[in-house]
Amino acid sequence: MFTAAILAKEKVISLSELQRNPSKALDADIVRIVRNGKEIGVFLSKEEFEDFIEEHLPLKSGFSKELKAIVKKSKKAKKIPLGKIL
């Protein structure tokens, strides 16, 4: 994805903004959280996270099938530990 397209999806907020109104603070695809001018975390939408996984993790033998099964299972359960994906 082009850098300009990524930046268009990105939002930077303070930690206090996140604490005041989390649902409003996390309304972008990519949200960077800052405290005292330093970045302390990043939230990704489900779609951005899935894109990141597909683009940046090497697809070892069977990993793609395993990832699809986990995504399918997560759609039913709505929650899945990150450790199961990685």
C-alpha atoms as a PDB file:
ATOM      1  CA  MET A   1       0.000   0.000   0.000  1.00  0.00           C
ATOM      2  CA  PHE A   2       1.241   3.503  -0.760  1.00  0.00           C
ATOM      3  CA  THR A   3       2.432   5.664   2.132  1.00  0.00           C
ATOM      4  CA  ALA A   4      -0.078   8.419   1.304  1.00  0.00           C
ATOM      5  CA  ALA A   5      -2.952   5.929   1.437  1.00  0.00           C
ATOM      6  CA  ILE A   6      -1.786   4.672   4.816  1.00  0.00           C
ATOM      7  CA  LEU A   7      -1.434   8.189   6.205  1.00  0.00           C
ATOM      8  CA  ALA A   8      -4.957   9.034   5.047  1.00  0.00           C
ATOM      9  CA  LYS A   9      -6.280   6.198   7.249  1.00  0.00           C
ATOM     10  CA  GLU A  10      -4.199   7.228  10.244  1.00  0.00           C
ATOM     11  CA  LYS A  11      -5.130   9.299  13.274  1.00  0.00           C
ATOM     12  CA  VAL A  12      -2.957  10.450  16.194  1.00  0.00           C
ATOM     13  CA  ILE A  13      -4.541  10.968  19.608  1.00  0.00           C
ATOM     14  CA  SER A  14      -3.380  11.506  23.171  1.00  0.00           C
ATOM     15  CA  LEU A  15      -3.781   8.889  25.864  1.00  0.00           C
ATOM     16  CA  SER A  16      -6.171  11.203  27.712  1.00  0.00           C
ATOM     17  CA  GLU A  17      -8.383  11.452  24.576  1.00  0.00           C
ATOM     18  CA  LEU A  18      -8.500   7.663  24.446  1.00  0.00           C
ATOM     19  CA  GLN A  19      -9.455   7.456  28.118  1.00  0.00           C
ATOM     20  CA  ARG A  20     -12.191  10.121  27.776  1.00  0.00           C
ATOM     21  CA  ASN A  21     -13.981   8.623  24.792  1.00  0.00           C
ATOM     22  CA  PRO A  22     -12.568   5.299  23.526  1.00  0.00           C
ATOM     23  CA  SER A  23     -15.184   4.665  20.837  1.00  0.00           C
ATOM     24  CA  LYS A  24     -14.647   8.088  19.258  1.00  0.00           C
ATOM     25  CA  ALA A  25     -10.863   7.849  19.644  1.00  0.00           C
ATOM     26  CA  LEU A  26     -10.695   4.500  17.850  1.00  0.00           C
ATOM     27  CA  ASP A  27     -12.835   5.444  14.845  1.00  0.00           C
ATOM     28  CA  ALA A  28      -9.987   5.292  12.292  1.00  0.00           C
ATOM     29  CA  ASP A  29      -8.301   2.316  10.630  1.00  0.00           C
ATOM     30  CA  ILE A  30      -4.964   3.148  12.263  1.00  0.00           C
ATOM     31  CA  VAL A  31      -4.784   5.077  15.547  1.00  0.00           C
ATOM     32  CA  ARG A  32      -1.484   6.097  17.131  1.00  0.00           C
ATOM     33  CA  ILE A  33      -1.589   6.811  20.862  1.00  0.00           C
ATOM     34  CA  VAL A  34       0.835   9.380  22.297  1.00  0.00           C
ATOM     35  CA  ARG A  35       1.702  10.377  25.868  1.00  0.00           C
ATOM     36  CA  ASN A  36       3.903  13.379  26.569  1.00  0.00           C
ATOM     37  CA  GLY A  37       4.748  13.621  22.873  1.00  0.00           C
ATOM     38  CA  LYS A  38       5.972  10.007  22.620  1.00  0.00           C
ATOM     39  CA  GLU A  39       4.168   7.250  20.762  1.00  0.00           C
ATOM     40  CA  ILE A  40       3.180   4.492  23.173  1.00  0.00           C
ATOM     41  CA  GLY A  41       0.931   2.304  21.048  1.00  0.00           C
ATOM     42  CA  VAL A  42      -1.001   1.695  17.866  1.00  0.00           C
ATOM     43  CA  PHE A  43      -4.501   0.333  17.334  1.00  0.00           C
ATOM     44  CA  LEU A  44      -5.389  -1.277  14.014  1.00  0.00           C
ATOM     45  CA  SER A  45      -8.852  -2.023  12.661  1.00  0.00           C
ATOM     46  CA  LYS A  46      -9.601  -5.674  12.019  1.00  0.00           C
ATOM     47  CA  GLU A  47      -9.075  -5.172   8.287  1.00  0.00           C
ATOM     48  CA  GLU A  48      -5.756  -3.366   8.742  1.00  0.00           C
ATOM     49  CA  PHE A  49      -4.549  -6.075  11.122  1.00  0.00           C
ATOM     50  CA  GLU A  50      -5.457  -8.822   8.641  1.00  0.00           C
ATOM     51  CA  ASP A  51      -3.725  -6.914   5.830  1.00  0.00           C
ATOM     52  CA  PHE A  52      -0.634  -6.533   8.017  1.00  0.00           C
ATOM     53  CA  ILE A  53      -0.559 -10.254   8.796  1.00  0.00           C
ATOM     54  CA  GLU A  54      -0.899 -11.187   5.121  1.00  0.00           C
ATOM     55  CA  GLU A  55       1.769  -8.739   3.937  1.00  0.00           C
ATOM     56  CA  HIS A  56       4.402  -9.040   6.650  1.00  0.00           C
ATOM     57  CA  LEU A  57       4.444 -12.550   8.039  1.00  0.00           C
ATOM     58  CA  PRO A  58       6.226 -15.125   5.946  1.00  0.00           C
ATOM     59  CA  LEU A  59       3.762 -17.750   4.803  1.00  0.00           C
ATOM     60  CA  LYS A  60       5.345 -20.952   5.999  1.00  0.00           C
ATOM     61  CA  SER A  61       3.907 -24.276   4.942  1.00  0.00           C
ATOM     62  CA  GLY A  62       0.352 -24.575   6.222  1.00  0.00           C
ATOM     63  CA  PHE A  63       0.305 -21.103   7.795  1.00  0.00           C
ATOM     64  CA  SER A  64      -2.151 -19.712   5.262  1.00  0.00           C
ATOM     65  CA  LYS A  65      -4.636 -22.539   5.871  1.00  0.00           C
ATOM     66  CA  GLU A  66      -4.203 -22.210   9.623  1.00  0.00           C
ATOM     67  CA  LEU A  67      -4.777 -18.437   9.474  1.00  0.00           C
ATOM     68  CA  LYS A  68      -7.976 -18.858   7.423  1.00  0.00           C
ATOM     69  CA  ALA A  69      -9.289 -21.421   9.924  1.00  0.00           C
ATOM     70  CA  ILE A  70      -8.552 -19.085  12.832  1.00  0.00           C
ATOM     71  CA  VAL A  71     -10.250 -16.139  11.101  1.00  0.00           C
ATOM     72  CA  LYS A  72     -13.295 -18.306  10.367  1.00  0.00           C
ATOM     73  CA  LYS A  73     -13.425 -19.449  13.989  1.00  0.00           C
ATOM     74  CA  SER A  74     -12.983 -15.873  15.252  1.00  0.00           C
ATOM     75  CA  LYS A  75     -15.984 -14.696  13.216  1.00  0.00           C
ATOM     76  CA  LYS A  76     -18.132 -17.107  15.201  1.00  0.00           C
ATOM     77  CA  ALA A  77     -16.561 -16.458  18.603  1.00  0.00           C
ATOM     78  CA  LYS A  78     -15.844 -12.731  18.104  1.00  0.00           C
ATOM     79  CA  LYS A  79     -12.690 -13.065  20.244  1.00  0.00           C
ATOM     80  CA  ILE A  80      -9.419 -14.885  19.680  1.00  0.00           C
ATOM     81  CA  PRO A  81      -6.130 -14.680  21.557  1.00  0.00           C
ATOM     82  CA  LEU A  82      -3.319 -13.108  19.554  1.00  0.00           C
ATOM     83  CA  GLY A  83      -1.060 -15.996  20.542  1.00  0.00           C
ATOM     84  CA  LYS A  84      -3.215 -18.405  18.545  1.00  0.00           C
ATOM     85  CA  ILE A  85      -2.698 -16.352  15.390  1.00  0.00           C
ATOM     86  CA  LEU A  86       1.034 -15.986  15.814  1.00  0.00           C
END
